[in-house]
Amino acid sequence: VPGLSVLENVMVGAHSRSRGGFLTTPLRLPPVGREERR
């Protein structure tokens, strides 16, 4: 994705290993912040 940074493009590839849940991700609950940092 040309408009994204190098880091953001690589982060896209980690989605299959992400542990964000159906409720936690849209509500931005604390586990989401931890998962994004991971």
PDB file of all heavy atoms in Angstrom:
ATOM      1  N   VAL A   1       0.866  -1.181   0.000  1.00  0.00           N
ATOM      2  CA  VAL A   1       0.000   0.000   0.000  1.00  0.00           C
ATOM      3  C   VAL A   1       0.902   1.229   0.000  1.00  0.00           C
ATOM      4  O   VAL A   1       1.559   1.516   1.003  1.00  0.00           O
ATOM      5  CB  VAL A   1      -0.920   0.021   1.236  1.00  0.00           C
ATOM      6  CG1 VAL A   1      -1.860   1.221   1.178  1.00  0.00           C
ATOM      7  CG2 VAL A   1      -1.730  -1.278   1.321  1.00  0.00           C
ATOM      8  N   PRO A   2       0.978   1.968  -1.109  1.00  0.00           N
ATOM      9  CA  PRO A   2       1.959   3.052  -1.226  1.00  0.00           C
ATOM     10  C   PRO A   2       1.817   4.114  -0.149  1.00  0.00           C
ATOM     11  O   PRO A   2       2.809   4.685   0.301  1.00  0.00           O
ATOM     12  CB  PRO A   2       1.677   3.632  -2.620  1.00  0.00           C
ATOM     13  CG  PRO A   2       0.999   2.534  -3.369  1.00  0.00           C
ATOM     14  CD  PRO A   2       0.198   1.777  -2.351  1.00  0.00           C
ATOM     15  N   GLY A   3       0.605   4.416   0.276  1.00  0.00           N
ATOM     16  CA  GLY A   3       0.382   5.486   1.236  1.00  0.00           C
ATOM     17  C   GLY A   3       0.706   5.132   2.666  1.00  0.00           C
ATOM     18  O   GLY A   3       0.785   6.016   3.528  1.00  0.00           O
ATOM     19  N   LEU A   4       0.896   3.849   2.963  1.00  0.00           N
ATOM     20  CA  LEU A   4       1.249   3.421   4.307  1.00  0.00           C
ATOM     21  C   LEU A   4       2.763   3.420   4.474  1.00  0.00           C
ATOM     22  O   LEU A   4       3.507   3.301   3.509  1.00  0.00           O
ATOM     23  CB  LEU A   4       0.707   2.019   4.589  1.00  0.00           C
ATOM     24  CG  LEU A   4      -0.810   1.835   4.615  1.00  0.00           C
ATOM     25  CD1 LEU A   4      -1.153   0.386   4.969  1.00  0.00           C
ATOM     26  CD2 LEU A   4      -1.464   2.791   5.597  1.00  0.00           C
ATOM     27  N   SER A   5       3.198   3.541   5.713  1.00  0.00           N
ATOM     28  CA  SER A   5       4.628   3.466   5.985  1.00  0.00           C
ATOM     29  C   SER A   5       5.115   2.031   5.808  1.00  0.00           C
ATOM     30  O   SER A   5       4.315   1.088   5.731  1.00  0.00           O
ATOM     31  CB  SER A   5       4.920   3.936   7.410  1.00  0.00           C
ATOM     32  OG  SER A   5       4.432   2.988   8.351  1.00  0.00           O
ATOM     33  N   VAL A   6       6.429   1.879   5.769  1.00  0.00           N
ATOM     34  CA  VAL A   6       7.018   0.543   5.678  1.00  0.00           C
ATOM     35  C   VAL A   6       6.553  -0.312   6.850  1.00  0.00           C
ATOM     36  O   VAL A   6       6.140  -1.462   6.674  1.00  0.00           O
ATOM     37  CB  VAL A   6       8.555   0.651   5.642  1.00  0.00           C
ATOM     38  CG1 VAL A   6       9.196  -0.721   5.788  1.00  0.00           C
ATOM     39  CG2 VAL A   6       9.013   1.314   4.347  1.00  0.00           C
ATOM     40  N   LEU A   7       6.610   0.240   8.057  1.00  0.00           N
ATOM     41  CA  LEU A   7       6.196  -0.512   9.238  1.00  0.00           C
ATOM     42  C   LEU A   7       4.729  -0.911   9.158  1.00  0.00           C
ATOM     43  O   LEU A   7       4.366  -2.055   9.469  1.00  0.00           O
ATOM     44  CB  LEU A   7       6.441   0.319  10.501  1.00  0.00           C
ATOM     45  CG  LEU A   7       6.035  -0.329  11.827  1.00  0.00           C
ATOM     46  CD1 LEU A   7       6.801  -1.625  12.056  1.00  0.00           C
ATOM     47  CD2 LEU A   7       6.255   0.645  12.979  1.00  0.00           C
ATOM     48  N   GLU A   8       3.870  -0.006   8.735  1.00  0.00           N
ATOM     49  CA  GLU A   8       2.434  -0.304   8.654  1.00  0.00           C
ATOM     50  C   GLU A   8       2.163  -1.394   7.624  1.00  0.00           C
ATOM     51  O   GLU A   8       1.306  -2.266   7.833  1.00  0.00           O
ATOM     52  CB  GLU A   8       1.664   0.967   8.311  1.00  0.00           C
ATOM     53  CG  GLU A   8       1.609   1.968   9.453  1.00  0.00           C
ATOM     54  CD  GLU A   8       1.119   3.333   9.016  1.00  0.00           C
ATOM     55  OE1 GLU A   8       1.238   3.677   7.811  1.00  0.00           O
ATOM     56  OE2 GLU A   8       0.637   4.085   9.886  1.00  0.00           O
ATOM     57  N   ASN A   9       2.890  -1.379   6.500  1.00  0.00           N
ATOM     58  CA  ASN A   9       2.721  -2.428   5.495  1.00  0.00           C
ATOM     59  C   ASN A   9       3.098  -3.787   6.064  1.00  0.00           C
ATOM     60  O   ASN A   9       2.413  -4.787   5.806  1.00  0.00           O
ATOM     61  CB  ASN A   9       3.565  -2.120   4.258  1.00  0.00           C
ATOM     62  CG  ASN A   9       2.799  -1.373   3.193  1.00  0.00           C
ATOM     63  OD1 ASN A   9       1.996  -1.948   2.464  1.00  0.00           O
ATOM     64  ND2 ASN A   9       3.024  -0.066   3.127  1.00  0.00           N
ATOM     65  N   VAL A  10       4.176  -3.845   6.826  1.00  0.00           N
ATOM     66  CA  VAL A  10       4.591  -5.122   7.405  1.00  0.00           C
ATOM     67  C   VAL A  10       3.611  -5.565   8.485  1.00  0.00           C
ATOM     68  O   VAL A  10       3.309  -6.762   8.617  1.00  0.00           O
ATOM     69  CB  VAL A  10       6.022  -5.013   7.965  1.00  0.00           C
ATOM     70  CG1 VAL A  10       6.438  -6.301   8.671  1.00  0.00           C
ATOM     71  CG2 VAL A  10       6.997  -4.710   6.821  1.00  0.00           C
ATOM     72  N   MET A  11       3.062  -4.636   9.234  1.00  0.00           N
ATOM     73  CA  MET A  11       2.081  -4.972  10.268  1.00  0.00           C
ATOM     74  C   MET A  11       0.846  -5.642   9.669  1.00  0.00           C
ATOM     75  O   MET A  11       0.223  -6.497  10.308  1.00  0.00           O
ATOM     76  CB  MET A  11       1.678  -3.719  11.047  1.00  0.00           C
ATOM     77  CG  MET A  11       2.759  -3.202  11.987  1.00  0.00           C
ATOM     78  SD  MET A  11       2.319  -1.633  12.799  1.00  0.00           S
ATOM     79  CE  MET A  11       0.939  -2.162  13.827  1.00  0.00           C
ATOM     80  N   VAL A  12       0.496  -5.255   8.438  1.00  0.00           N
ATOM     81  CA  VAL A  12      -0.651  -5.881   7.775  1.00  0.00           C
ATOM     82  C   VAL A  12      -0.465  -7.394   7.686  1.00  0.00           C
ATOM     83  O   VAL A  12      -1.422  -8.160   7.823  1.00  0.00           O
ATOM     84  CB  VAL A  12      -0.849  -5.272   6.364  1.00  0.00           C
ATOM     85  CG1 VAL A  12      -1.852  -6.097   5.554  1.00  0.00           C
ATOM     86  CG2 VAL A  12      -1.316  -3.833   6.477  1.00  0.00           C
ATOM     87  N   GLY A  13       0.773  -7.824   7.485  1.00  0.00           N
ATOM     88  CA  GLY A  13       1.038  -9.250   7.345  1.00  0.00           C
ATOM     89  C   GLY A  13       0.843 -10.039   8.615  1.00  0.00           C
ATOM     90  O   GLY A  13       0.759 -11.277   8.577  1.00  0.00           O
ATOM     91  N   ALA A  14       0.788  -9.357   9.753  1.00  0.00           N
ATOM     92  CA  ALA A  14       0.658 -10.053  11.043  1.00  0.00           C
ATOM     93  C   ALA A  14      -0.788 -10.299  11.425  1.00  0.00           C
ATOM     94  O   ALA A  14      -1.063 -10.853  12.489  1.00  0.00           O
ATOM     95  CB  ALA A  14       1.350  -9.253  12.141  1.00  0.00           C
ATOM     96  N   HIS A  15      -1.750  -9.927  10.570  1.00  0.00           N
ATOM     97  CA  HIS A  15      -3.154 -10.017  10.971  1.00  0.00           C
ATOM     98  C   HIS A  15      -3.586 -11.444  11.270  1.00  0.00           C
ATOM     99  O   HIS A  15      -4.410 -11.689  12.139  1.00  0.00           O
ATOM    100  CB  HIS A  15      -4.049  -9.427   9.876  1.00  0.00           C
ATOM    101  CG  HIS A  15      -4.239 -10.334   8.705  1.00  0.00           C
ATOM    102  ND1 HIS A  15      -3.300 -10.450   7.691  1.00  0.00           N
ATOM    103  CD2 HIS A  15      -5.247 -11.192   8.386  1.00  0.00           C
ATOM    104  CE1 HIS A  15      -3.728 -11.324   6.805  1.00  0.00           C
ATOM    105  NE2 HIS A  15      -4.904 -11.787   7.186  1.00  0.00           N
ATOM    106  N   SER A  16      -2.979 -12.427  10.552  1.00  0.00           N
ATOM    107  CA  SER A  16      -3.398 -13.816  10.758  1.00  0.00           C
ATOM    108  C   SER A  16      -2.963 -14.351  12.112  1.00  0.00           C
ATOM    109  O   SER A  16      -3.501 -15.354  12.595  1.00  0.00           O
ATOM    110  CB  SER A  16      -2.831 -14.712   9.646  1.00  0.00           C
ATOM    111  OG  SER A  16      -1.417 -14.751   9.712  1.00  0.00           O
ATOM    112  N   ARG A  17      -1.973 -13.700  12.734  1.00  0.00           N
ATOM    113  CA  ARG A  17      -1.505 -14.104  14.057  1.00  0.00           C
ATOM    114  C   ARG A  17      -2.052 -13.206  15.157  1.00  0.00           C
ATOM    115  O   ARG A  17      -1.736 -13.397  16.324  1.00  0.00           O
ATOM    116  CB  ARG A  17       0.028 -14.063  14.105  1.00  0.00           C
ATOM    117  CG  ARG A  17       0.693 -15.002  13.119  1.00  0.00           C
ATOM    118  CD  ARG A  17       0.389 -16.452  13.433  1.00  0.00           C
ATOM    119  NE  ARG A  17       1.000 -17.346  12.465  1.00  0.00           N
ATOM    120  CZ  ARG A  17       0.772 -18.645  12.408  1.00  0.00           C
ATOM    121  NH1 ARG A  17      -0.072 -19.192  13.261  1.00  0.00           N
ATOM    122  NH2 ARG A  17       1.353 -19.393  11.495  1.00  0.00           N
ATOM    123  N   SER A  18      -2.899 -12.243  14.775  1.00  0.00           N
ATOM    124  CA  SER A  18      -3.447 -11.319  15.759  1.00  0.00           C
ATOM    125  C   SER A  18      -4.482 -12.013  16.630  1.00  0.00           C
ATOM    126  O   SER A  18      -5.258 -12.847  16.164  1.00  0.00           O
ATOM    127  CB  SER A  18      -4.083 -10.112  15.047  1.00  0.00           C
ATOM    128  OG  SER A  18      -4.725  -9.275  15.967  1.00  0.00           O
ATOM    129  N   ARG A  19      -4.522 -11.635  17.902  1.00  0.00           N
ATOM    130  CA  ARG A  19      -5.460 -12.243  18.837  1.00  0.00           C
ATOM    131  C   ARG A  19      -6.608 -11.303  19.174  1.00  0.00           C
ATOM    132  O   ARG A  19      -7.330 -11.509  20.152  1.00  0.00           O
ATOM    133  CB  ARG A  19      -4.721 -12.648  20.114  1.00  0.00           C
ATOM    134  CG  ARG A  19      -3.692 -13.753  19.901  1.00  0.00           C
ATOM    135  CD  ARG A  19      -3.124 -14.232  21.211  1.00  0.00           C
ATOM    136  NE  ARG A  19      -2.239 -13.253  21.799  1.00  0.00           N
ATOM    137  CZ  ARG A  19      -0.924 -13.204  21.585  1.00  0.00           C
ATOM    138  NH1 ARG A  19      -0.352 -14.068  20.765  1.00  0.00           N
ATOM    139  NH2 ARG A  19      -0.172 -12.285  22.175  1.00  0.00           N
ATOM    140  N   GLY A  20      -6.775 -10.236  18.394  1.00  0.00           N
ATOM    141  CA  GLY A  20      -7.877  -9.313  18.625  1.00  0.00           C
ATOM    142  C   GLY A  20      -9.209 -10.004  18.396  1.00  0.00           C
ATOM    143  O   GLY A  20      -9.412 -10.692  17.399  1.00  0.00           O
ATOM    144  N   GLY A  21     -10.147  -9.818  19.310  1.00  0.00           N
ATOM    145  CA  GLY A  21     -11.428 -10.507  19.231  1.00  0.00           C
ATOM    146  C   GLY A  21     -12.503  -9.693  18.558  1.00  0.00           C
ATOM    147  O   GLY A  21     -12.338  -8.516  18.239  1.00  0.00           O
ATOM    148  N   PHE A  22     -13.661 -10.319  18.371  1.00  0.00           N
ATOM    149  CA  PHE A  22     -14.795  -9.702  17.678  1.00  0.00           C
ATOM    150  C   PHE A  22     -15.291  -8.460  18.429  1.00  0.00           C
ATOM    151  O   PHE A  22     -15.680  -7.471  17.826  1.00  0.00           O
ATOM    152  CB  PHE A  22     -15.923 -10.731  17.544  1.00  0.00           C
ATOM    153  CG  PHE A  22     -17.181 -10.186  16.928  1.00  0.00           C
ATOM    154  CD1 PHE A  22     -17.242  -9.889  15.582  1.00  0.00           C
ATOM    155  CD2 PHE A  22     -18.310  -9.955  17.712  1.00  0.00           C
ATOM    156  CE1 PHE A  22     -18.399  -9.383  15.009  1.00  0.00           C
ATOM    157  CE2 PHE A  22     -19.457  -9.450  17.151  1.00  0.00           C
ATOM    158  CZ  PHE A  22     -19.507  -9.166  15.798  1.00  0.00           C
ATOM    159  N   LEU A  23     -15.283  -8.509  19.778  1.00  0.00           N
ATOM    160  CA  LEU A  23     -15.765  -7.389  20.575  1.00  0.00           C
ATOM    161  C   LEU A  23     -14.652  -6.430  20.980  1.00  0.00           C
ATOM    162  O   LEU A  23     -14.843  -5.216  21.006  1.00  0.00           O
ATOM    163  CB  LEU A  23     -16.471  -7.910  21.842  1.00  0.00           C
ATOM    164  CG  LEU A  23     -17.793  -8.633  21.611  1.00  0.00           C
ATOM    165  CD1 LEU A  23     -18.319  -9.189  22.928  1.00  0.00           C
ATOM    166  CD2 LEU A  23     -18.826  -7.689  21.002  1.00  0.00           C
ATOM    167  N   THR A  24     -13.477  -6.971  21.301  1.00  0.00           N
ATOM    168  CA  THR A  24     -12.411  -6.121  21.816  1.00  0.00           C
ATOM    169  C   THR A  24     -11.871  -5.152  20.779  1.00  0.00           C
ATOM    170  O   THR A  24     -11.534  -4.013  21.104  1.00  0.00           O
ATOM    171  CB  THR A  24     -11.237  -6.968  22.345  1.00  0.00           C
ATOM    172  OG1 THR A  24     -10.742  -7.803  21.300  1.00  0.00           O
ATOM    173  CG2 THR A  24     -11.681  -7.831  23.518  1.00  0.00           C
ATOM    174  N   THR A  25     -11.804  -5.552  19.504  1.00  0.00           N
ATOM    175  CA  THR A  25     -11.194  -4.692  18.486  1.00  0.00           C
ATOM    176  C   THR A  25     -12.015  -3.435  18.209  1.00  0.00           C
ATOM    177  O   THR A  25     -11.496  -2.324  18.307  1.00  0.00           O
ATOM    178  CB  THR A  25     -10.946  -5.486  17.190  1.00  0.00           C
ATOM    179  OG1 THR A  25     -10.043  -6.551  17.484  1.00  0.00           O
ATOM    180  CG2 THR A  25     -10.358  -4.600  16.107  1.00  0.00           C
ATOM    181  N   PRO A  26     -13.330  -3.535  17.855  1.00  0.00           N
ATOM    182  CA  PRO A  26     -14.067  -2.300  17.565  1.00  0.00           C
ATOM    183  C   PRO A  26     -14.273  -1.419  18.786  1.00  0.00           C
ATOM    184  O   PRO A  26     -14.398  -0.196  18.652  1.00  0.00           O
ATOM    185  CB  PRO A  26     -15.409  -2.810  17.012  1.00  0.00           C
ATOM    186  CG  PRO A  26     -15.545  -4.199  17.514  1.00  0.00           C
ATOM    187  CD  PRO A  26     -14.146  -4.739  17.612  1.00  0.00           C
ATOM    188  N   LEU A  27     -14.316  -2.009  19.982  1.00  0.00           N
ATOM    189  CA  LEU A  27     -14.535  -1.222  21.191  1.00  0.00           C
ATOM    190  C   LEU A  27     -13.252  -0.653  21.776  1.00  0.00           C
ATOM    191  O   LEU A  27     -13.291   0.096  22.744  1.00  0.00           O
ATOM    192  CB  LEU A  27     -15.250  -2.087  22.246  1.00  0.00           C
ATOM    193  CG  LEU A  27     -16.667  -2.533  21.880  1.00  0.00           C
ATOM    194  CD1 LEU A  27     -17.234  -3.438  22.964  1.00  0.00           C
ATOM    195  CD2 LEU A  27     -17.572  -1.324  21.652  1.00  0.00           C
ATOM    196  N   ARG A  28     -12.100  -1.030  21.186  1.00  0.00           N
ATOM    197  CA  ARG A  28     -10.799  -0.550  21.641  1.00  0.00           C
ATOM    198  C   ARG A  28     -10.587  -0.846  23.124  1.00  0.00           C
ATOM    199  O   ARG A  28     -10.094  -0.013  23.894  1.00  0.00           O
ATOM    200  CB  ARG A  28     -10.637   0.957  21.382  1.00  0.00           C
ATOM    201  CG  ARG A  28     -10.791   1.389  19.933  1.00  0.00           C
ATOM    202  CD  ARG A  28      -9.704   0.809  19.073  1.00  0.00           C
ATOM    203  NE  ARG A  28      -8.383   1.310  19.461  1.00  0.00           N
ATOM    204  CZ  ARG A  28      -7.252   0.887  18.904  1.00  0.00           C
ATOM    205  NH1 ARG A  28      -7.276  -0.057  17.982  1.00  0.00           N
ATOM    206  NH2 ARG A  28      -6.101   1.393  19.289  1.00  0.00           N
ATOM    207  N   LEU A  29     -10.973  -2.038  23.539  1.00  0.00           N
ATOM    208  CA  LEU A  29     -10.755  -2.457  24.911  1.00  0.00           C
ATOM    209  C   LEU A  29      -9.264  -2.679  25.154  1.00  0.00           C
ATOM    210  O   LEU A  29      -8.487  -2.823  24.214  1.00  0.00           O
ATOM    211  CB  LEU A  29     -11.563  -3.727  25.198  1.00  0.00           C
ATOM    212  CG  LEU A  29     -13.094  -3.559  25.110  1.00  0.00           C
ATOM    213  CD1 LEU A  29     -13.793  -4.879  25.356  1.00  0.00           C
ATOM    214  CD2 LEU A  29     -13.583  -2.489  26.079  1.00  0.00           C
ATOM    215  N   PRO A  30      -8.835  -2.724  26.444  1.00  0.00           N
ATOM    216  CA  PRO A  30      -7.392  -2.812  26.741  1.00  0.00           C
ATOM    217  C   PRO A  30      -6.637  -3.900  25.992  1.00  0.00           C
ATOM    218  O   PRO A  30      -5.495  -3.656  25.568  1.00  0.00           O
ATOM    219  CB  PRO A  30      -7.383  -3.043  28.257  1.00  0.00           C
ATOM    220  CG  PRO A  30      -8.604  -2.342  28.730  1.00  0.00           C
ATOM    221  CD  PRO A  30      -9.641  -2.557  27.658  1.00  0.00           C
ATOM    222  N   PRO A  31      -7.221  -5.100  25.796  1.00  0.00           N
ATOM    223  CA  PRO A  31      -6.455  -6.116  25.055  1.00  0.00           C
ATOM    224  C   PRO A  31      -6.046  -5.678  23.656  1.00  0.00           C
ATOM    225  O   PRO A  31      -5.038  -6.139  23.118  1.00  0.00           O
ATOM    226  CB  PRO A  31      -7.421  -7.313  24.996  1.00  0.00           C
ATOM    227  CG  PRO A  31      -8.317  -7.136  26.181  1.00  0.00           C
ATOM    228  CD  PRO A  31      -8.503  -5.643  26.306  1.00  0.00           C
ATOM    229  N   VAL A  32      -6.835  -4.759  23.059  1.00  0.00           N
ATOM    230  CA  VAL A  32      -6.516  -4.304  21.708  1.00  0.00           C
ATOM    231  C   VAL A  32      -5.205  -3.520  21.707  1.00  0.00           C
ATOM    232  O   VAL A  32      -4.354  -3.690  20.826  1.00  0.00           O
ATOM    233  CB  VAL A  32      -7.666  -3.446  21.139  1.00  0.00           C
ATOM    234  CG1 VAL A  32      -7.263  -2.845  19.793  1.00  0.00           C
ATOM    235  CG2 VAL A  32      -8.920  -4.282  20.978  1.00  0.00           C
ATOM    236  N   GLY A  33      -5.027  -2.651  22.683  1.00  0.00           N
ATOM    237  CA  GLY A  33      -3.792  -1.887  22.759  1.00  0.00           C
ATOM    238  C   GLY A  33      -2.586  -2.783  22.946  1.00  0.00           C
ATOM    239  O   GLY A  33      -1.540  -2.563  22.318  1.00  0.00           O
ATOM    240  N   ARG A  34      -2.715  -3.797  23.795  1.00  0.00           N
ATOM    241  CA  ARG A  34      -1.607  -4.731  23.999  1.00  0.00           C
ATOM    242  C   ARG A  34      -1.299  -5.489  22.728  1.00  0.00           C
ATOM    243  O   ARG A  34      -0.126  -5.700  22.380  1.00  0.00           O
ATOM    244  CB  ARG A  34      -1.953  -5.708  25.136  1.00  0.00           C
ATOM    245  CG  ARG A  34      -2.001  -5.056  26.507  1.00  0.00           C
ATOM    246  CD  ARG A  34      -1.983  -6.120  27.603  1.00  0.00           C
ATOM    247  NE  ARG A  34      -3.162  -6.974  27.554  1.00  0.00           N
ATOM    248  CZ  ARG A  34      -4.293  -6.721  28.207  1.00  0.00           C
ATOM    249  NH1 ARG A  34      -4.407  -5.621  28.953  1.00  0.00           N
ATOM    250  NH2 ARG A  34      -5.309  -7.564  28.141  1.00  0.00           N
ATOM    251  N   GLU A  35      -2.354  -5.891  22.014  1.00  0.00           N
ATOM    252  CA  GLU A  35      -2.145  -6.659  20.784  1.00  0.00           C
ATOM    253  C   GLU A  35      -1.509  -5.794  19.705  1.00  0.00           C
ATOM    254  O   GLU A  35      -0.630  -6.236  18.971  1.00  0.00           O
ATOM    255  CB  GLU A  35      -3.481  -7.226  20.290  1.00  0.00           C
ATOM    256  CG  GLU A  35      -3.384  -8.095  19.042  1.00  0.00           C
ATOM    257  CD  GLU A  35      -2.526  -9.329  19.240  1.00  0.00           C
ATOM    258  OE1 GLU A  35      -2.195  -9.665  20.401  1.00  0.00           O
ATOM    259  OE2 GLU A  35      -2.179  -9.963  18.232  1.00  0.00           O
ATOM    260  N   GLU A  36      -1.916  -4.534  19.616  1.00  0.00           N
ATOM    261  CA  GLU A  36      -1.322  -3.643  18.626  1.00  0.00           C
ATOM    262  C   GLU A  36       0.158  -3.429  18.903  1.00  0.00           C
ATOM    263  O   GLU A  36       0.984  -3.394  17.979  1.00  0.00           O
ATOM    264  CB  GLU A  36      -2.057  -2.305  18.612  1.00  0.00           C
ATOM    265  CG  GLU A  36      -1.548  -1.362  17.534  1.00  0.00           C
ATOM    266  CD  GLU A  36      -2.392  -0.111  17.399  1.00  0.00           C
ATOM    267  OE1 GLU A  36      -3.567  -0.145  17.803  1.00  0.00           O
ATOM    268  OE2 GLU A  36      -1.856   0.897  16.891  1.00  0.00           O
ATOM    269  N   ARG A  37       0.515  -3.297  20.182  1.00  0.00           N
ATOM    270  CA  ARG A  37       1.927  -3.139  20.534  1.00  0.00           C
ATOM    271  C   ARG A  37       2.719  -4.403  20.195  1.00  0.00           C
ATOM    272  O   ARG A  37       3.867  -4.325  19.744  1.00  0.00           O
ATOM    273  CB  ARG A  37       2.058  -2.796  22.024  1.00  0.00           C
ATOM    274  CG  ARG A  37       1.595  -1.390  22.373  1.00  0.00           C
ATOM    275  CD  ARG A  37       1.995  -1.001  23.775  1.00  0.00           C
ATOM    276  NE  ARG A  37       1.302  -1.789  24.775  1.00  0.00           N
ATOM    277  CZ  ARG A  37       0.104  -1.496  25.287  1.00  0.00           C
ATOM    278  NH1 ARG A  37      -0.543  -0.406  24.874  1.00  0.00           N
ATOM    279  NH2 ARG A  37      -0.441  -2.267  26.223  1.00  0.00           N
ATOM    280  N   ARG A  38       2.090  -5.574  20.399  1.00  0.00           N
ATOM    281  CA  ARG A  38       2.769  -6.831  20.078  1.00  0.00           C
ATOM    282  C   ARG A  38       3.016  -6.936  18.572  1.00  0.00           C
ATOM    283  O   ARG A  38       4.106  -7.320  18.136  1.00  0.00           O
ATOM    284  CB  ARG A  38       1.931  -8.021  20.552  1.00  0.00           C
ATOM    285  CG  ARG A  38       2.627  -9.367  20.394  1.00  0.00           C
ATOM    286  CD  ARG A  38       1.654 -10.527  20.562  1.00  0.00           C
ATOM    287  NE  ARG A  38       0.712 -10.592  19.448  1.00  0.00           N
ATOM    288  CZ  ARG A  38       1.004 -11.146  18.265  1.00  0.00           C
ATOM    289  NH1 ARG A  38       2.214 -11.649  18.043  1.00  0.00           N
ATOM    290  NH2 ARG A  38       0.095 -11.190  17.312  1.00  0.00           N
TER     291      ARG A  38
END
